[in-house]
Amino acid sequence: MTVCRWTCEFDPSVDSPLSPVWIALEGLPIHLFEPNALFSIAKLVGSPLQLDSATLNLARPSVARVCVEIDLTKPIPHAVWIYLGQSSFLQPIHYEDLPDYCTSCRVFGHKNCKSV
C-alpha cells in the first residue's frame, strides 16, 4: 500500500511520481553534518524528510545520509555545487535503491514501456 498527498489531479490508475529515497553524501566535510546544512543541500535534490541516526550522531563521518522525497519525472542530479564563502566544491550524490518509474505510463516497476 502506498500513501501519498492528495491533489486535484489524483488518478488512482497511475502511481505518484513522488518517492522517498535515501541519498548519501560521501566525503562531505564534517562541519556540514549539521541538520540545517544537510537539509539545505538536500533541497537541491528534492524535499528533505529526515536524517539517519548515524548522521545525526556523527557516528559515520565518511558519509551523511538524508531521506529526500523526489519527483521521478524530473532530472535527478548526481552532483551539486556547494558554495562556502569564497570556496566551492562539487558534491557527489549517491541514490540508494532508486525506484524504476515509467514517465510514459506513470507506473512504478519499469523505466520505459516496451510499447507506447
Protein backbone atom coordinates (compact mmCIF):
# COMPACT_ATOMS: atom_id res chain seq x y z
CA MET A 1 0.00 0.00 0.00
CA THR A 2 1.22 3.49 -0.81
CA VAL A 3 0.08 6.64 0.95
CA CYS A 4 0.63 9.95 -0.82
CA ARG A 5 -0.56 13.54 -0.81
CA TRP A 6 -3.91 14.13 -2.47
CA THR A 7 -4.08 16.62 -5.34
CA CYS A 8 -6.85 17.77 -7.67
CA GLU A 9 -5.18 15.75 -10.45
CA PHE A 10 -5.35 12.50 -8.43
CA ASP A 11 -5.85 9.45 -10.64
CA PRO A 12 -5.88 6.04 -8.91
CA SER A 13 -4.76 4.30 -12.12
CA VAL A 14 -1.33 5.96 -12.08
CA ASP A 15 1.41 5.99 -9.46
CA SER A 16 2.51 9.26 -7.94
CA PRO A 17 5.99 10.17 -9.20
CA LEU A 18 6.95 11.34 -5.71
CA SER A 19 9.07 8.83 -3.85
CA PRO A 20 11.15 8.90 -0.65
CA VAL A 21 14.76 7.97 -1.44
CA TRP A 22 17.86 7.90 0.74
CA ILE A 23 20.76 9.90 -0.64
CA ALA A 24 24.35 9.50 0.51
CA LEU A 25 26.76 12.43 0.57
CA GLU A 26 30.16 10.75 0.70
CA GLY A 27 33.19 12.79 1.68
CA LEU A 28 31.13 15.76 2.85
CA PRO A 29 33.17 17.97 5.22
CA ILE A 30 32.29 17.18 8.83
CA HIS A 31 31.34 20.79 9.64
CA LEU A 32 28.39 20.37 7.24
CA PHE A 33 26.94 17.44 9.25
CA GLU A 34 24.55 19.89 10.88
CA PRO A 35 20.83 19.31 10.25
CA ASN A 36 20.17 22.76 8.73
CA ALA A 37 23.18 22.48 6.42
CA LEU A 38 22.24 18.94 5.35
CA PHE A 39 18.63 19.94 4.68
CA SER A 40 19.84 22.91 2.60
CA ILE A 41 21.97 20.56 0.50
CA ALA A 42 19.14 18.01 0.23
CA LYS A 43 16.74 20.72 -1.01
CA LEU A 44 18.84 20.85 -4.18
CA VAL A 45 17.58 17.30 -4.88
CA GLY A 46 14.03 17.32 -3.50
CA SER A 47 12.13 17.78 -0.24
CA PRO A 48 14.20 16.63 2.75
CA LEU A 49 12.33 14.31 5.10
CA GLN A 50 14.81 13.07 7.72
CA LEU A 51 18.42 12.28 8.60
CA ASP A 52 19.55 8.83 9.62
CA SER A 53 20.66 8.34 13.24
CA ALA A 54 24.32 7.71 12.35
CA THR A 55 24.41 11.08 10.57
CA LEU A 56 22.71 12.86 13.48
CA ASN A 57 25.12 11.29 15.99
CA LEU A 58 28.23 11.76 13.78
CA ALA A 59 28.80 8.01 14.13
CA ARG A 60 29.83 7.66 10.47
CA PRO A 61 31.79 10.79 9.44
CA SER A 62 32.61 9.40 5.99
CA VAL A 63 29.05 9.76 4.69
CA ALA A 64 25.89 11.72 5.52
CA ARG A 65 22.54 10.13 4.68
CA VAL A 66 19.34 12.11 4.09
CA CYS A 67 15.92 10.80 3.12
CA VAL A 68 14.51 13.04 0.38
CA GLU A 69 11.18 13.00 -1.43
CA ILE A 70 11.99 13.30 -5.12
CA ASP A 71 9.87 13.71 -8.23
CA LEU A 72 10.88 10.88 -10.55
CA THR A 73 9.58 12.75 -13.61
CA LYS A 74 12.28 15.41 -13.19
CA PRO A 75 16.02 15.11 -13.88
CA ILE A 76 17.89 13.73 -10.89
CA PRO A 77 21.23 15.44 -10.16
CA HIS A 78 24.20 13.19 -9.45
CA ALA A 79 26.25 16.06 -8.01
CA VAL A 80 25.60 19.57 -6.69
CA TRP A 81 27.82 22.60 -6.25
CA ILE A 82 28.24 23.71 -2.64
CA TYR A 83 29.40 27.28 -2.10
CA LEU A 84 31.09 28.19 1.19
CA GLY A 85 32.13 31.82 1.20
CA GLN A 86 34.96 32.21 -1.31
CA SER A 87 35.31 28.48 -1.98
CA SER A 88 33.10 25.89 -3.62
CA PHE A 89 33.18 22.19 -4.42
CA LEU A 90 31.20 19.62 -6.37
CA GLN A 91 29.49 17.18 -4.01
CA PRO A 92 28.57 13.77 -5.49
CA ILE A 93 25.13 12.40 -4.65
CA HIS A 94 24.56 8.65 -4.48
CA TYR A 95 20.97 7.39 -4.56
CA GLU A 96 20.13 4.25 -2.58
CA ASP A 97 17.57 1.94 -4.18
CA LEU A 98 16.19 4.49 -6.63
CA PRO A 99 12.88 3.03 -7.86
CA ASP A 100 12.15 2.49 -11.55
CA TYR A 101 9.37 4.80 -12.73
CA CYS A 102 7.99 4.95 -16.27
CA THR A 103 7.15 8.50 -17.31
CA SER A 104 5.11 7.19 -20.26
CA CYS A 105 2.53 5.09 -18.40
CA ARG A 106 3.30 6.62 -14.96
CA VAL A 107 3.71 3.32 -13.15
CA PHE A 108 6.49 2.00 -10.91
CA GLY A 109 8.39 -1.14 -11.85
CA HIS A 110 9.99 -0.22 -15.17
CA LYS A 111 11.60 2.84 -16.78
CA ASN A 112 10.39 2.62 -20.38
CA CYS A 113 7.29 0.98 -21.79
CA LYS A 114 8.05 -1.60 -24.44
CA SER A 115 5.10 -0.36 -26.49
CA VAL A 116 3.61 3.08 -26.07
